[in-house]
Amino acid sequence: MMRALGPLIALLVVAVLLVSSTFFTVDQRQNAIVFQLGEVKEVVQKPGLHFKWPLLQNVRLFDMRILSYDDIEPLRFLTQGNRPVLVDSFVKWRIKDVRQYYISVQGDEFRAATRIRQTVSGTLREEFGTRSLNDVVSGEREMIMSQVREKVDQDLERIGVQIIDVRLKRVDLPVDVSESVYRRMEAERKRIANELRSTGAAEAERIRADADRQREVLLAEAYRDAQRVRGEGDAKASAIYAAAFSQNPEFFSFYRSMEAYRGTFRGRNDLLLLETNSDFLRYFRDSMGRSAGQRK
């Protein structure tokens, strides 16, 4: 009885192994290649459970998601004028054609990454060699990345790879070049600053001279207007005086003399030496004479 169960159990185990090796599962993020005796028999792109012949066929799965390749060390390139730069970049790529990918690099991701690195490096070298340092650093970076991506994608399509994006993370000058470049930049900035200062000083002098000229013009015009108004006032005053004098010359003479006396004898200690027959004291003499006559 026990002897009969042994072969039966072994037969069941073999059957289970055969059945399990007959089916395989493809995830929605994967493609599969079915090999028959070492040759590519079929490419499976549809996810789900699939059948294969046991022992005769084997399956290899490939990840179809977007992968990244990032250089460990920055690459050194030369721009126009043999100006060296250090470029740090990364690439986003994915398997586009599984069959071609396996035929070209045997499905080895490391070999594919090496091929991508070589292609990207060569394309970047060509692009940088036709551009100036300023264009590479800031001016045409977006254009460079777009052109590099298109060229690299066309080249790597032959190995079944699609390039999604190529990005420049950083573009720096080598240490041995940075110092001289910074010195030239500093000298250029100082030159521009001196030019701006000179231009500002000249403009300030021009504005100051214009302000002084306008000030002199305004003062001259104000003095002219003041003199004109003063002359008009003096003319009107003279006309008034003349009209008043013509109406009563004796009273006008008396009033002007009184004003002169008031202006002359302002304080008690004021002293004025005049001859007794001076015309300035005419009204004093008349007043004294009249007073004496009245007393008589």
Protein backbone atom coordinates (compact mmCIF):
# COMPACT_ATOMS: atom_id res chain seq x y z
CA MET A 1 0.00 0.00 0.00
CA MET A 2 2.71 2.44 1.01
CA ARG A 3 4.80 1.35 -1.98
CA ALA A 4 1.91 2.25 -4.33
CA LEU A 5 1.45 5.74 -2.77
CA GLY A 6 5.07 6.77 -3.30
CA PRO A 7 5.05 6.75 -7.10
CA LEU A 8 1.59 8.34 -7.09
CA ILE A 9 2.75 11.25 -4.96
CA ALA A 10 5.83 11.72 -7.15
CA LEU A 11 3.62 11.71 -10.23
CA LEU A 12 1.34 14.35 -8.68
CA VAL A 13 4.34 16.54 -7.82
CA VAL A 14 5.67 16.28 -11.35
CA ALA A 15 2.22 17.14 -12.73
CA VAL A 16 1.95 20.20 -10.49
CA LEU A 17 5.40 21.39 -11.55
CA LEU A 18 4.53 20.91 -15.21
CA VAL A 19 1.27 22.79 -14.81
CA SER A 20 2.96 25.67 -12.90
CA SER A 21 5.67 25.95 -15.55
CA THR A 22 3.05 26.02 -18.27
CA PHE A 23 1.54 29.40 -17.23
CA PHE A 24 3.16 32.76 -16.54
CA THR A 25 1.83 36.17 -15.51
CA VAL A 26 2.63 39.51 -17.16
CA ASP A 27 2.13 42.65 -15.04
CA GLN A 28 0.64 45.76 -16.64
CA ARG A 29 3.98 47.54 -16.15
CA GLN A 30 5.87 44.79 -17.99
CA ASN A 31 6.39 43.15 -21.37
CA ALA A 32 7.56 39.58 -21.79
CA ILE A 33 9.62 37.72 -24.36
CA VAL A 34 8.92 34.02 -24.86
CA PHE A 35 12.03 32.09 -25.90
CA GLN A 36 11.95 28.70 -27.56
CA LEU A 37 15.23 26.84 -27.53
CA GLY A 38 17.10 30.16 -27.04
CA GLU A 39 15.40 32.04 -29.87
CA VAL A 40 12.80 34.79 -29.54
CA LYS A 41 9.45 33.18 -30.22
CA GLU A 42 6.94 35.81 -29.12
CA VAL A 43 6.64 39.20 -27.46
CA VAL A 44 3.80 39.47 -24.95
CA GLN A 45 2.55 42.99 -24.27
CA LYS A 46 -0.92 42.25 -22.91
CA PRO A 47 -1.04 41.87 -19.10
CA GLY A 48 -2.57 38.78 -17.53
CA LEU A 49 -2.09 34.99 -17.45
CA HIS A 50 -0.42 33.42 -20.49
CA PHE A 51 0.53 29.91 -21.69
CA LYS A 52 3.91 28.53 -22.68
CA TRP A 53 5.22 25.09 -23.42
CA PRO A 54 7.08 23.70 -20.45
CA LEU A 55 10.70 22.68 -20.92
CA LEU A 56 10.69 23.96 -24.51
CA GLN A 57 9.97 27.60 -23.76
CA ASN A 58 11.09 30.10 -21.14
CA VAL A 59 10.01 33.66 -20.39
CA ARG A 60 11.88 36.85 -19.55
CA LEU A 61 10.10 39.92 -18.19
CA PHE A 62 11.10 43.55 -18.92
CA ASP A 63 10.12 46.68 -16.98
CA MET A 64 8.40 49.18 -19.30
CA ARG A 65 8.29 52.08 -16.84
CA ILE A 66 10.33 55.26 -17.24
CA LEU A 67 13.88 54.79 -15.98
CA SER A 68 16.55 57.33 -15.05
CA TYR A 69 20.20 57.54 -15.90
CA ASP A 70 22.31 60.03 -13.97
CA ASP A 71 26.06 60.53 -14.43
CA ILE A 72 28.04 60.04 -11.25
CA GLU A 73 30.63 62.65 -12.25
CA PRO A 74 30.11 65.81 -14.37
CA LEU A 75 31.37 65.60 -17.94
CA ARG A 76 33.87 68.09 -19.34
CA PHE A 77 33.13 69.78 -22.68
CA LEU A 78 34.60 72.65 -24.71
CA THR A 79 32.54 75.58 -25.96
CA GLN A 80 33.48 78.05 -28.68
CA GLY A 81 36.92 79.48 -28.08
CA ASN A 82 38.00 76.31 -26.23
CA ARG A 83 36.29 77.41 -23.03
CA PRO A 84 35.87 74.30 -20.84
CA VAL A 85 32.70 73.63 -18.83
CA LEU A 86 31.58 70.89 -16.46
CA VAL A 87 28.11 69.56 -17.26
CA ASP A 88 25.97 67.49 -14.90
CA SER A 89 23.00 65.93 -16.69
CA PHE A 90 20.43 63.16 -16.37
CA VAL A 91 18.29 61.21 -18.84
CA LYS A 92 14.75 59.81 -18.60
CA TRP A 93 14.26 56.77 -20.85
CA ARG A 94 12.13 53.69 -21.34
CA ILE A 95 12.06 50.50 -23.40
CA LYS A 96 10.07 51.12 -26.56
CA ASP A 97 10.64 47.91 -28.54
CA VAL A 98 11.33 44.90 -26.32
CA ARG A 99 12.46 42.63 -29.18
CA GLN A 100 14.92 45.21 -30.55
CA TYR A 101 16.08 46.03 -27.03
CA TYR A 102 16.94 42.38 -26.38
CA ILE A 103 18.65 41.92 -29.74
CA SER A 104 20.77 45.07 -29.32
CA VAL A 105 21.86 44.88 -25.67
CA GLN A 106 20.63 41.41 -24.67
CA GLY A 107 18.16 43.06 -22.35
CA ASP A 108 20.98 44.27 -20.08
CA GLU A 109 20.07 47.57 -18.41
CA PHE A 110 23.72 48.35 -17.65
CA ARG A 111 24.72 47.96 -21.30
CA ALA A 112 21.75 50.11 -22.32
CA ALA A 113 22.78 52.82 -19.82
CA THR A 114 26.35 52.73 -21.16
CA ARG A 115 25.07 53.20 -24.70
CA ILE A 116 22.83 56.07 -23.55
CA ARG A 117 25.76 57.74 -21.78
CA GLN A 118 27.97 57.53 -24.86
CA THR A 119 25.28 58.92 -27.15
CA VAL A 120 24.29 61.76 -24.83
CA SER A 121 27.92 62.67 -24.19
CA GLY A 122 28.73 62.80 -27.90
CA THR A 123 25.66 64.86 -28.72
CA LEU A 124 26.32 67.32 -25.92
CA ARG A 125 29.92 67.71 -27.09
CA GLU A 126 28.71 68.58 -30.58
CA GLU A 127 26.11 71.07 -29.32
CA PHE A 128 28.46 72.79 -26.88
CA GLY A 129 31.21 73.06 -29.47
CA THR A 130 29.04 75.32 -31.65
CA ARG A 131 27.91 77.68 -28.86
CA SER A 132 29.50 80.33 -26.68
CA LEU A 133 29.91 80.04 -22.93
CA ASN A 134 27.09 82.52 -22.29
CA ASP A 135 24.68 80.55 -24.49
CA VAL A 136 25.55 77.31 -22.73
CA VAL A 137 25.21 78.75 -19.22
CA SER A 138 21.96 80.66 -19.63
CA GLY A 139 21.08 81.90 -23.09
CA GLU A 140 20.15 78.73 -25.02
CA ARG A 141 19.93 76.01 -22.41
CA GLU A 142 16.33 75.06 -23.24
CA MET A 143 17.14 74.87 -26.94
CA ILE A 144 20.20 72.73 -26.26
CA MET A 145 18.21 70.23 -24.17
CA SER A 146 15.48 70.00 -26.80
CA GLN A 147 17.91 69.38 -29.66
CA VAL A 148 19.94 66.88 -27.66
CA ARG A 149 16.81 64.94 -26.73
CA GLU A 150 15.67 64.72 -30.36
CA LYS A 151 19.07 63.60 -31.66
CA VAL A 152 19.63 61.07 -28.89
CA ASP A 153 16.11 59.67 -29.30
CA GLN A 154 16.65 59.16 -33.04
CA ASP A 155 19.96 57.40 -32.45
CA LEU A 156 18.83 55.14 -29.59
CA GLU A 157 15.64 54.11 -31.37
CA ARG A 158 17.84 51.56 -33.12
CA ILE A 159 18.30 49.68 -29.84
CA GLY A 160 14.60 49.84 -28.93
CA VAL A 161 14.94 52.70 -26.42
CA GLN A 162 12.87 55.87 -26.25
CA ILE A 163 14.36 59.03 -24.72
CA ILE A 164 11.75 60.90 -22.72
CA ASP A 165 13.86 63.84 -21.60
CA VAL A 166 17.43 65.09 -21.28
CA ARG A 167 18.11 67.69 -18.59
CA LEU A 168 21.15 69.75 -17.64
CA LYS A 169 21.19 69.95 -13.87
CA ARG A 170 24.24 72.16 -13.65
CA VAL A 171 26.78 73.84 -15.93
CA ASP A 172 29.90 75.04 -14.10
CA LEU A 173 33.35 76.24 -14.95
CA PRO A 174 36.33 74.14 -13.90
CA VAL A 175 38.20 75.39 -10.86
CA ASP A 176 41.27 76.32 -12.91
CA VAL A 177 39.14 78.51 -15.18
CA SER A 178 36.72 79.99 -12.64
CA GLU A 179 39.27 82.32 -11.05
CA SER A 180 40.30 83.97 -14.33
CA VAL A 181 36.68 84.23 -15.46
CA TYR A 182 35.63 85.79 -12.17
CA ARG A 183 38.51 88.28 -12.40
CA ARG A 184 37.47 89.27 -15.90
CA MET A 185 33.86 89.56 -14.79
CA GLU A 186 34.91 91.70 -11.84
CA ALA A 187 36.99 93.97 -14.09
CA GLU A 188 34.11 94.27 -16.54
CA ARG A 189 31.66 95.13 -13.76
CA LYS A 190 34.07 97.75 -12.39
CA ARG A 191 34.44 99.27 -15.86
CA ILE A 192 30.67 99.45 -16.27
CA ALA A 193 30.31 100.91 -12.77
CA ASN A 194 32.91 103.60 -13.52
CA GLU A 195 31.17 104.45 -16.78
CA LEU A 196 27.86 104.74 -14.95
CA ARG A 197 29.44 106.92 -12.26
CA SER A 198 31.00 109.19 -14.90
CA THR A 199 27.73 109.42 -16.76
CA GLY A 200 25.88 110.14 -13.51
CA ALA A 201 28.40 112.84 -12.50
CA ALA A 202 28.13 114.52 -15.93
CA GLU A 203 24.35 114.38 -15.77
CA ALA A 204 24.41 115.81 -12.23
CA GLU A 205 26.62 118.71 -13.37
CA ARG A 206 24.32 119.37 -16.30
CA ILE A 207 21.25 119.37 -14.05
CA ARG A 208 23.03 121.59 -11.51
CA ALA A 209 24.10 124.06 -14.19
CA ASP A 210 20.60 124.13 -15.64
CA ALA A 211 19.15 124.73 -12.17
CA ASP A 212 21.61 127.57 -11.54
CA ARG A 213 20.74 129.11 -14.89
CA GLN A 214 17.03 128.88 -14.15
CA ARG A 215 17.65 130.40 -10.71
CA GLU A 216 19.50 133.35 -12.21
CA VAL A 217 16.78 133.81 -14.79
CA LEU A 218 14.08 133.71 -12.12
CA LEU A 219 15.95 136.18 -9.91
CA ALA A 220 16.52 138.52 -12.85
CA GLU A 221 12.88 138.34 -13.87
CA ALA A 222 11.76 138.90 -10.26
CA TYR A 223 14.10 141.89 -9.91
CA ARG A 224 12.85 143.28 -13.21
CA ASP A 225 9.23 142.88 -12.13
CA ALA A 226 10.00 144.38 -8.71
CA GLN A 227 11.69 147.37 -10.29
CA ARG A 228 8.81 147.79 -12.69
CA VAL A 229 6.26 147.64 -9.86
CA ARG A 230 8.36 150.00 -7.74
CA GLY A 231 8.67 152.42 -10.64
CA GLU A 232 4.94 152.26 -11.26
CA GLY A 233 4.33 152.89 -7.53
CA ASP A 234 6.78 155.78 -7.48
CA ALA A 235 5.11 157.23 -10.55
CA LYS A 236 1.67 156.97 -8.97
CA ALA A 237 2.99 158.44 -5.71
CA SER A 238 4.59 161.31 -7.60
CA ALA A 239 1.33 161.89 -9.46
CA ILE A 240 -0.59 161.93 -6.20
CA TYR A 241 1.94 164.28 -4.62
CA ALA A 242 1.81 166.52 -7.66
CA ALA A 243 -2.00 166.56 -7.60
CA ALA A 244 -2.02 167.34 -3.89
CA PHE A 245 0.67 170.04 -4.30
CA SER A 246 -1.23 171.69 -7.09
CA GLN A 247 -4.39 171.90 -4.98
CA ASN A 248 -2.77 173.53 -1.89
CA PRO A 249 0.95 174.15 -2.27
CA GLU A 250 1.30 175.83 1.10
CA PHE A 251 -0.34 172.96 3.01
CA PHE A 252 1.70 170.41 1.07
CA SER A 253 4.92 172.18 1.92
CA PHE A 254 3.84 172.43 5.55
CA TYR A 255 2.97 168.68 5.69
CA ARG A 256 6.25 167.62 4.13
CA SER A 257 8.12 169.80 6.60
CA MET A 258 6.26 168.24 9.52
CA GLU A 259 7.17 164.79 8.24
CA ALA A 260 10.78 165.87 7.96
CA TYR A 261 10.71 167.24 11.52
CA ARG A 262 9.22 163.98 12.82
CA GLY A 263 11.84 161.92 11.04
CA THR A 264 14.65 164.14 12.28
CA PHE A 265 13.71 164.62 15.94
CA ARG A 266 12.82 161.05 16.96
CA GLY A 267 14.54 161.05 20.37
CA ARG A 268 15.08 163.52 23.13
CA ASN A 269 18.82 163.41 22.70
CA ASP A 270 18.74 164.10 18.96
CA LEU A 271 20.82 167.16 18.10
CA LEU A 272 20.85 169.13 14.85
CA LEU A 273 23.03 172.21 14.24
CA LEU A 274 21.60 174.61 11.67
CA GLU A 275 21.81 178.32 10.97
CA THR A 276 18.87 180.37 12.16
CA ASN A 277 18.01 181.49 8.68
CA SER A 278 17.95 177.88 7.33
CA ASP A 279 14.95 177.10 5.17
CA PHE A 280 14.53 173.81 7.15
CA LEU A 281 13.42 175.91 10.19
CA ARG A 282 11.13 178.15 8.23
CA TYR A 283 7.93 176.86 9.86
CA PHE A 284 9.55 177.00 13.31
CA ARG A 285 10.36 180.69 12.73
CA ASP A 286 6.90 181.40 11.42
CA SER A 287 5.36 179.65 14.39
CA MET A 288 7.51 181.57 16.84
CA GLY A 289 6.87 184.86 15.08
CA ARG A 290 3.15 184.32 15.10
CA SER A 291 3.21 183.34 18.76
CA ALA A 292 5.15 186.48 19.68
CA GLY A 293 2.80 188.67 17.67
CA GLN A 294 -0.21 187.14 19.29
CA ARG A 295 1.29 187.78 22.74
CA LYS A 296 1.79 191.41 21.83
